[in-house]
């Protein structure tokens, strides 16, 4: 699913009982990890792998819209 930020994608997923993995939430839970570190993404990949292996529906909340030059 795609949409502009704050349009309700994660809220919809949560209401359907789908687990949402959010890079922003992980950053809030681990303020000791520098913003430029790839550790958050490694953690997200590991969590995603666990969800897939246990056949759990999951949504990744980490896409940002930006203009490329």
PDB file of N, CA and C in Angstrom:
ATOM      1  N   UNK A   1       0.852  -1.160   0.000  1.00  0.00           N
ATOM      2  CA  UNK A   1       0.000   0.000   0.000  1.00  0.00           C
ATOM      3  C   UNK A   1       0.900   1.225   0.000  1.00  0.00           C
ATOM      4  N   UNK A   2       0.496   2.230  -0.751  1.00  0.00           N
ATOM      5  CA  UNK A   2       1.256   3.473  -0.812  1.00  0.00           C
ATOM      6  C   UNK A   2       0.323   4.646  -0.602  1.00  0.00           C
ATOM      7  N   UNK A   3       0.867   5.721  -0.115  1.00  0.00           N
ATOM      8  CA  UNK A   3       0.086   6.934   0.063  1.00  0.00           C
ATOM      9  C   UNK A   3       0.939   8.016   0.676  1.00  0.00           C
ATOM     10  N   UNK A   4       0.411   9.213   0.660  1.00  0.00           N
ATOM     11  CA  UNK A   4       1.165  10.329   1.216  1.00  0.00           C
ATOM     12  C   UNK A   4       1.299  10.157   2.729  1.00  0.00           C
ATOM     13  N   UNK A   5       2.330  10.761   3.331  1.00  0.00           N
ATOM     14  CA  UNK A   5       2.509  10.654   4.778  1.00  0.00           C
ATOM     15  C   UNK A   5       1.260  11.102   5.538  1.00  0.00           C
ATOM     16  N   UNK A   6       0.979  10.395   6.621  1.00  0.00           N
ATOM     17  CA  UNK A   6      -0.135  10.703   7.531  1.00  0.00           C
ATOM     18  C   UNK A   6      -1.515  10.534   6.893  1.00  0.00           C
ATOM     19  N   UNK A   7      -1.597   9.667   5.864  1.00  0.00           N
ATOM     20  CA  UNK A   7      -2.897   9.446   5.215  1.00  0.00           C
ATOM     21  C   UNK A   7      -3.665   8.273   5.810  1.00  0.00           C
ATOM     22  N   UNK A   8      -3.068   7.594   6.811  1.00  0.00           N
ATOM     23  CA  UNK A   8      -3.796   6.541   7.506  1.00  0.00           C
ATOM     24  C   UNK A   8      -3.434   5.117   7.126  1.00  0.00           C
ATOM     25  N   UNK A   9      -2.350   4.927   6.414  1.00  0.00           N
ATOM     26  CA  UNK A   9      -1.956   3.578   5.985  1.00  0.00           C
ATOM     27  C   UNK A   9      -1.677   2.659   7.171  1.00  0.00           C
ATOM     28  N   UNK A  10      -0.884   3.113   8.115  1.00  0.00           N
ATOM     29  CA  UNK A  10      -0.554   2.291   9.290  1.00  0.00           C
ATOM     30  C   UNK A  10      -1.777   2.093  10.179  1.00  0.00           C
ATOM     31  N   UNK A  11      -2.601   3.133  10.288  1.00  0.00           N
ATOM     32  CA  UNK A  11      -3.822   3.019  11.075  1.00  0.00           C
ATOM     33  C   UNK A  11      -4.730   1.944  10.487  1.00  0.00           C
ATOM     34  N   UNK A  12      -4.865   1.925   9.171  1.00  0.00           N
ATOM     35  CA  UNK A  12      -5.670   0.905   8.504  1.00  0.00           C
ATOM     36  C   UNK A  12      -5.087  -0.483   8.754  1.00  0.00           C
ATOM     37  N   UNK A  13      -3.777  -0.618   8.575  1.00  0.00           N
ATOM     38  CA  UNK A  13      -3.129  -1.915   8.802  1.00  0.00           C
ATOM     39  C   UNK A  13      -3.376  -2.391  10.229  1.00  0.00           C
ATOM     40  N   UNK A  14      -3.192  -1.508  11.199  1.00  0.00           N
ATOM     41  CA  UNK A  14      -3.425  -1.866  12.602  1.00  0.00           C
ATOM     42  C   UNK A  14      -4.876  -2.291  12.835  1.00  0.00           C
ATOM     43  N   UNK A  15      -5.814  -1.584  12.220  1.00  0.00           N
ATOM     44  CA  UNK A  15      -7.232  -1.913  12.420  1.00  0.00           C
ATOM     45  C   UNK A  15      -7.584  -3.269  11.830  1.00  0.00           C
ATOM     46  N   UNK A  16      -6.792  -3.724  10.859  1.00  0.00           N
ATOM     47  CA  UNK A  16      -7.003  -5.034  10.246  1.00  0.00           C
ATOM     48  C   UNK A  16      -6.203  -6.137  10.945  1.00  0.00           C
ATOM     49  N   UNK A  17      -5.499  -5.758  12.019  1.00  0.00           N
ATOM     50  CA  UNK A  17      -4.714  -6.730  12.768  1.00  0.00           C
ATOM     51  C   UNK A  17      -3.391  -7.077  12.123  1.00  0.00           C
ATOM     52  N   UNK A  18      -2.925  -6.208  11.239  1.00  0.00           N
ATOM     53  CA  UNK A  18      -1.652  -6.432  10.551  1.00  0.00           C
ATOM     54  C   UNK A  18      -0.549  -5.718  11.323  1.00  0.00           C
ATOM     55  N   UNK A  19       0.533  -6.420  11.567  1.00  0.00           N
ATOM     56  CA  UNK A  19       1.658  -5.832  12.295  1.00  0.00           C
ATOM     57  C   UNK A  19       2.326  -4.767  11.440  1.00  0.00           C
ATOM     58  N   UNK A  20       2.659  -3.643  12.058  1.00  0.00           N
ATOM     59  CA  UNK A  20       3.330  -2.548  11.369  1.00  0.00           C
ATOM     60  C   UNK A  20       4.729  -2.403  11.954  1.00  0.00           C
ATOM     61  N   UNK A  21       5.730  -2.511  11.092  1.00  0.00           N
ATOM     62  CA  UNK A  21       7.116  -2.275  11.496  1.00  0.00           C
ATOM     63  C   UNK A  21       7.489  -0.868  11.051  1.00  0.00           C
ATOM     64  N   UNK A  22       7.788  -0.014  12.010  1.00  0.00           N
ATOM     65  CA  UNK A  22       8.046   1.395  11.727  1.00  0.00           C
ATOM     66  C   UNK A  22       9.474   1.780  12.090  1.00  0.00           C
ATOM     67  N   UNK A  23      10.184   2.310  11.117  1.00  0.00           N
ATOM     68  CA  UNK A  23      11.548   2.771  11.396  1.00  0.00           C
ATOM     69  C   UNK A  23      11.519   3.940  12.383  1.00  0.00           C
ATOM     70  N   UNK A  24      10.511   4.792  12.294  1.00  0.00           N
ATOM     71  CA  UNK A  24      10.395   5.915  13.235  1.00  0.00           C
ATOM     72  C   UNK A  24      10.202   5.409  14.662  1.00  0.00           C
ATOM     73  N   UNK A  25       9.350   4.402  14.846  1.00  0.00           N
ATOM     74  CA  UNK A  25       9.123   3.841  16.184  1.00  0.00           C
ATOM     75  C   UNK A  25      10.401   3.211  16.728  1.00  0.00           C
ATOM     76  N   UNK A  26      11.130   2.490  15.868  1.00  0.00           N
ATOM     77  CA  UNK A  26      12.390   1.889  16.321  1.00  0.00           C
ATOM     78  C   UNK A  26      13.384   2.962  16.748  1.00  0.00           C
ATOM     79  N   UNK A  27      13.428   4.059  15.999  1.00  0.00           N
ATOM     80  CA  UNK A  27      14.336   5.158  16.370  1.00  0.00           C
ATOM     81  C   UNK A  27      13.951   5.749  17.727  1.00  0.00           C
ATOM     82  N   UNK A  28      12.658   5.873  17.984  1.00  0.00           N
ATOM     83  CA  UNK A  28      12.207   6.384  19.280  1.00  0.00           C
ATOM     84  C   UNK A  28      12.549   5.418  20.412  1.00  0.00           C
ATOM     85  N   UNK A  29      12.467   4.125  20.137  1.00  0.00           N
ATOM     86  CA  UNK A  29      12.761   3.105  21.151  1.00  0.00           C
ATOM     87  C   UNK A  29      14.262   2.959  21.401  1.00  0.00           C
ATOM     88  N   UNK A  30      15.075   3.398  20.440  1.00  0.00           N
ATOM     89  CA  UNK A  30      16.535   3.257  20.544  1.00  0.00           C
ATOM     90  C   UNK A  30      17.225   4.589  20.241  1.00  0.00           C
ATOM     91  N   UNK A  31      17.043   5.582  21.103  1.00  0.00           N
ATOM     92  CA  UNK A  31      17.648   6.893  20.840  1.00  0.00           C
ATOM     93  C   UNK A  31      19.179   6.869  20.867  1.00  0.00           C
ATOM     94  N   UNK A  32      19.748   5.801  21.413  1.00  0.00           N
ATOM     95  CA  UNK A  32      21.206   5.695  21.458  1.00  0.00           C
ATOM     96  C   UNK A  32      21.812   5.381  20.089  1.00  0.00           C
ATOM     97  N   UNK A  33      20.983   4.962  19.132  1.00  0.00           N
ATOM     98  CA  UNK A  33      21.478   4.635  17.792  1.00  0.00           C
ATOM     99  C   UNK A  33      21.472   5.912  16.953  1.00  0.00           C
ATOM    100  N   UNK A  34      22.636   6.294  16.420  1.00  0.00           N
ATOM    101  CA  UNK A  34      22.709   7.528  15.619  1.00  0.00           C
ATOM    102  C   UNK A  34      21.789   7.455  14.393  1.00  0.00           C
ATOM    103  N   UNK A  35      21.192   8.583  14.011  1.00  0.00           N
ATOM    104  CA  UNK A  35      20.264   8.609  12.874  1.00  0.00           C
ATOM    105  C   UNK A  35      20.879   8.128  11.560  1.00  0.00           C
ATOM    106  N   UNK A  36      22.179   8.297  11.397  1.00  0.00           N
ATOM    107  CA  UNK A  36      22.832   7.895  10.150  1.00  0.00           C
ATOM    108  C   UNK A  36      23.269   6.429  10.159  1.00  0.00           C
ATOM    109  N   UNK A  37      23.092   5.760  11.266  1.00  0.00           N
ATOM    110  CA  UNK A  37      23.485   4.356  11.378  1.00  0.00           C
ATOM    111  C   UNK A  37      22.549   3.459  10.570  1.00  0.00           C
ATOM    112  N   UNK A  38      23.089   2.372  10.046  1.00  0.00           N
ATOM    113  CA  UNK A  38      22.266   1.393   9.327  1.00  0.00           C
ATOM    114  C   UNK A  38      21.672   0.353  10.273  1.00  0.00           C
ATOM    115  N   UNK A  39      21.942   0.480  11.553  1.00  0.00           N
ATOM    116  CA  UNK A  39      21.468  -0.497  12.546  1.00  0.00           C
ATOM    117  C   UNK A  39      19.943  -0.622  12.552  1.00  0.00           C
ATOM    118  N   UNK A  40      19.243   0.496  12.443  1.00  0.00           N
ATOM    119  CA  UNK A  40      17.778   0.464  12.440  1.00  0.00           C
ATOM    120  C   UNK A  40      17.279  -0.387  11.273  1.00  0.00           C
ATOM    121  N   UNK A  41      17.895  -0.214  10.109  1.00  0.00           N
ATOM    122  CA  UNK A  41      17.463  -0.973   8.926  1.00  0.00           C
ATOM    123  C   UNK A  41      17.767  -2.456   9.081  1.00  0.00           C
ATOM    124  N   UNK A  42      18.880  -2.775   9.708  1.00  0.00           N
ATOM    125  CA  UNK A  42      19.204  -4.176   9.985  1.00  0.00           C
ATOM    126  C   UNK A  42      18.174  -4.768  10.936  1.00  0.00           C
ATOM    127  N   UNK A  43      17.799  -4.010  11.950  1.00  0.00           N
ATOM    128  CA  UNK A  43      16.772  -4.464  12.892  1.00  0.00           C
ATOM    129  C   UNK A  43      15.444  -4.691  12.170  1.00  0.00           C
ATOM    130  N   UNK A  44      15.081  -3.760  11.284  1.00  0.00           N
ATOM    131  CA  UNK A  44      13.834  -3.897  10.518  1.00  0.00           C
ATOM    132  C   UNK A  44      13.873  -5.154   9.650  1.00  0.00           C
ATOM    133  N   UNK A  45      14.994  -5.395   9.001  1.00  0.00           N
ATOM    134  CA  UNK A  45      15.118  -6.584   8.155  1.00  0.00           C
ATOM    135  C   UNK A  45      14.970  -7.858   8.977  1.00  0.00           C
ATOM    136  N   UNK A  46      15.583  -7.888  10.147  1.00  0.00           N
ATOM    137  CA  UNK A  46      15.481  -9.064  11.011  1.00  0.00           C
ATOM    138  C   UNK A  46      14.044  -9.279  11.490  1.00  0.00           C
ATOM    139  N   UNK A  47      13.373  -8.193  11.861  1.00  0.00           N
ATOM    140  CA  UNK A  47      11.976  -8.294  12.301  1.00  0.00           C
ATOM    141  C   UNK A  47      11.086  -8.760  11.154  1.00  0.00           C
ATOM    142  N   UNK A  48      11.331  -8.227   9.958  1.00  0.00           N
ATOM    143  CA  UNK A  48      10.560  -8.630   8.785  1.00  0.00           C
ATOM    144  C   UNK A  48      10.766 -10.111   8.492  1.00  0.00           C
ATOM    145  N   UNK A  49      11.998 -10.552   8.554  1.00  0.00           N
ATOM    146  CA  UNK A  49      12.311 -11.966   8.321  1.00  0.00           C
ATOM    147  C   UNK A  49      11.541 -12.855   9.301  1.00  0.00           C
ATOM    148  N   UNK A  50      11.508 -12.461  10.568  1.00  0.00           N
ATOM    149  CA  UNK A  50      10.780 -13.235  11.575  1.00  0.00           C
ATOM    150  C   UNK A  50       9.286 -13.289  11.258  1.00  0.00           C
ATOM    151  N   UNK A  51       8.728 -12.176  10.823  1.00  0.00           N
ATOM    152  CA  UNK A  51       7.304 -12.140  10.478  1.00  0.00           C
ATOM    153  C   UNK A  51       7.014 -13.062   9.293  1.00  0.00           C
ATOM    154  N   UNK A  52       7.847 -12.993   8.286  1.00  0.00           N
ATOM    155  CA  UNK A  52       7.648 -13.822   7.095  1.00  0.00           C
ATOM    156  C   UNK A  52       7.776 -15.299   7.452  1.00  0.00           C
ATOM    157  N   UNK A  53       8.788 -15.629   8.243  1.00  0.00           N
ATOM    158  CA  UNK A  53       9.002 -17.030   8.621  1.00  0.00           C
ATOM    159  C   UNK A  53       7.848 -17.578   9.454  1.00  0.00           C
ATOM    160  N   UNK A  54       7.169 -16.714  10.207  1.00  0.00           N
ATOM    161  CA  UNK A  54       6.036 -17.180  11.016  1.00  0.00           C
ATOM    162  C   UNK A  54       4.698 -16.920  10.310  1.00  0.00           C
ATOM    163  N   UNK A  55       4.786 -16.586   9.003  1.00  0.00           N
ATOM    164  CA  UNK A  55       3.600 -16.402   8.170  1.00  0.00           C
ATOM    165  C   UNK A  55       2.669 -15.310   8.714  1.00  0.00           C
ATOM    166  N   UNK A  56       3.272 -14.268   9.269  1.00  0.00           N
ATOM    167  CA  UNK A  56       2.525 -13.151   9.846  1.00  0.00           C
ATOM    168  C   UNK A  56       2.398 -12.028   8.821  1.00  0.00           C
ATOM    169  N   UNK A  57       1.192 -11.476   8.677  1.00  0.00           N
ATOM    170  CA  UNK A  57       1.002 -10.315   7.804  1.00  0.00           C
ATOM    171  C   UNK A  57       1.749  -9.131   8.408  1.00  0.00           C
ATOM    172  N   UNK A  58       2.407  -8.369   7.555  1.00  0.00           N
ATOM    173  CA  UNK A  58       3.232  -7.270   8.054  1.00  0.00           C
ATOM    174  C   UNK A  58       3.282  -6.139   7.032  1.00  0.00           C
ATOM    175  N   UNK A  59       3.353  -4.915   7.548  1.00  0.00           N
ATOM    176  CA  UNK A  59       3.505  -3.721   6.728  1.00  0.00           C
ATOM    177  C   UNK A  59       4.760  -3.006   7.198  1.00  0.00           C
ATOM    178  N   UNK A  60       5.571  -2.542   6.251  1.00  0.00           N
ATOM    179  CA  UNK A  60       6.758  -1.760   6.573  1.00  0.00           C
ATOM    180  C   UNK A  60       6.395  -0.286   6.435  1.00  0.00           C
ATOM    181  N   UNK A  61       6.539   0.450   7.524  1.00  0.00           N
ATOM    182  CA  UNK A  61       6.259   1.879   7.532  1.00  0.00           C
ATOM    183  C   UNK A  61       7.606   2.592   7.563  1.00  0.00           C
ATOM    184  N   UNK A  62       8.131   2.886   6.374  1.00  0.00           N
ATOM    185  CA  UNK A  62       9.453   3.511   6.326  1.00  0.00           C
ATOM    186  C   UNK A  62       9.699   4.256   5.023  1.00  0.00           C
ATOM    187  N   UNK A  63       8.689   4.417   4.224  1.00  0.00           N
ATOM    188  CA  UNK A  63       8.880   5.050   2.935  1.00  0.00           C
ATOM    189  C   UNK A  63       8.654   6.551   3.039  1.00  0.00           C
ATOM    190  N   UNK A  64       9.580   7.312   2.496  1.00  0.00           N
ATOM    191  CA  UNK A  64       9.467   8.769   2.506  1.00  0.00           C
ATOM    192  C   UNK A  64       9.423   9.279   1.083  1.00  0.00           C
ATOM    193  N   UNK A  65       8.656  10.328   0.899  1.00  0.00           N
ATOM    194  CA  UNK A  65       8.560  10.949  -0.406  1.00  0.00           C
ATOM    195  C   UNK A  65       9.589  12.065  -0.471  1.00  0.00           C
ATOM    196  N   UNK A  66      10.388  12.048  -1.530  1.00  0.00           N
ATOM    197  CA  UNK A  66      11.344  13.141  -1.726  1.00  0.00           C
ATOM    198  C   UNK A  66      11.545  13.361  -3.215  1.00  0.00           C
ATOM    199  N   UNK A  67      11.915  14.573  -3.545  1.00  0.00           N
ATOM    200  CA  UNK A  67      12.175  14.927  -4.930  1.00  0.00           C
ATOM    201  C   UNK A  67      13.642  14.689  -5.217  1.00  0.00           C
ATOM    202  N   UNK A  68      13.922  13.961  -6.277  1.00  0.00           N
ATOM    203  CA  UNK A  68      15.311  13.734  -6.696  1.00  0.00           C
ATOM    204  C   UNK A  68      15.695  14.768  -7.742  1.00  0.00           C
ATOM    205  N   UNK A  69      16.933  15.273  -7.636  1.00  0.00           N
ATOM    206  CA  UNK A  69      17.410  16.236  -8.652  1.00  0.00           C
ATOM    207  C   UNK A  69      17.836  15.513  -9.905  1.00  0.00           C
TER     208      UNK A  69
END
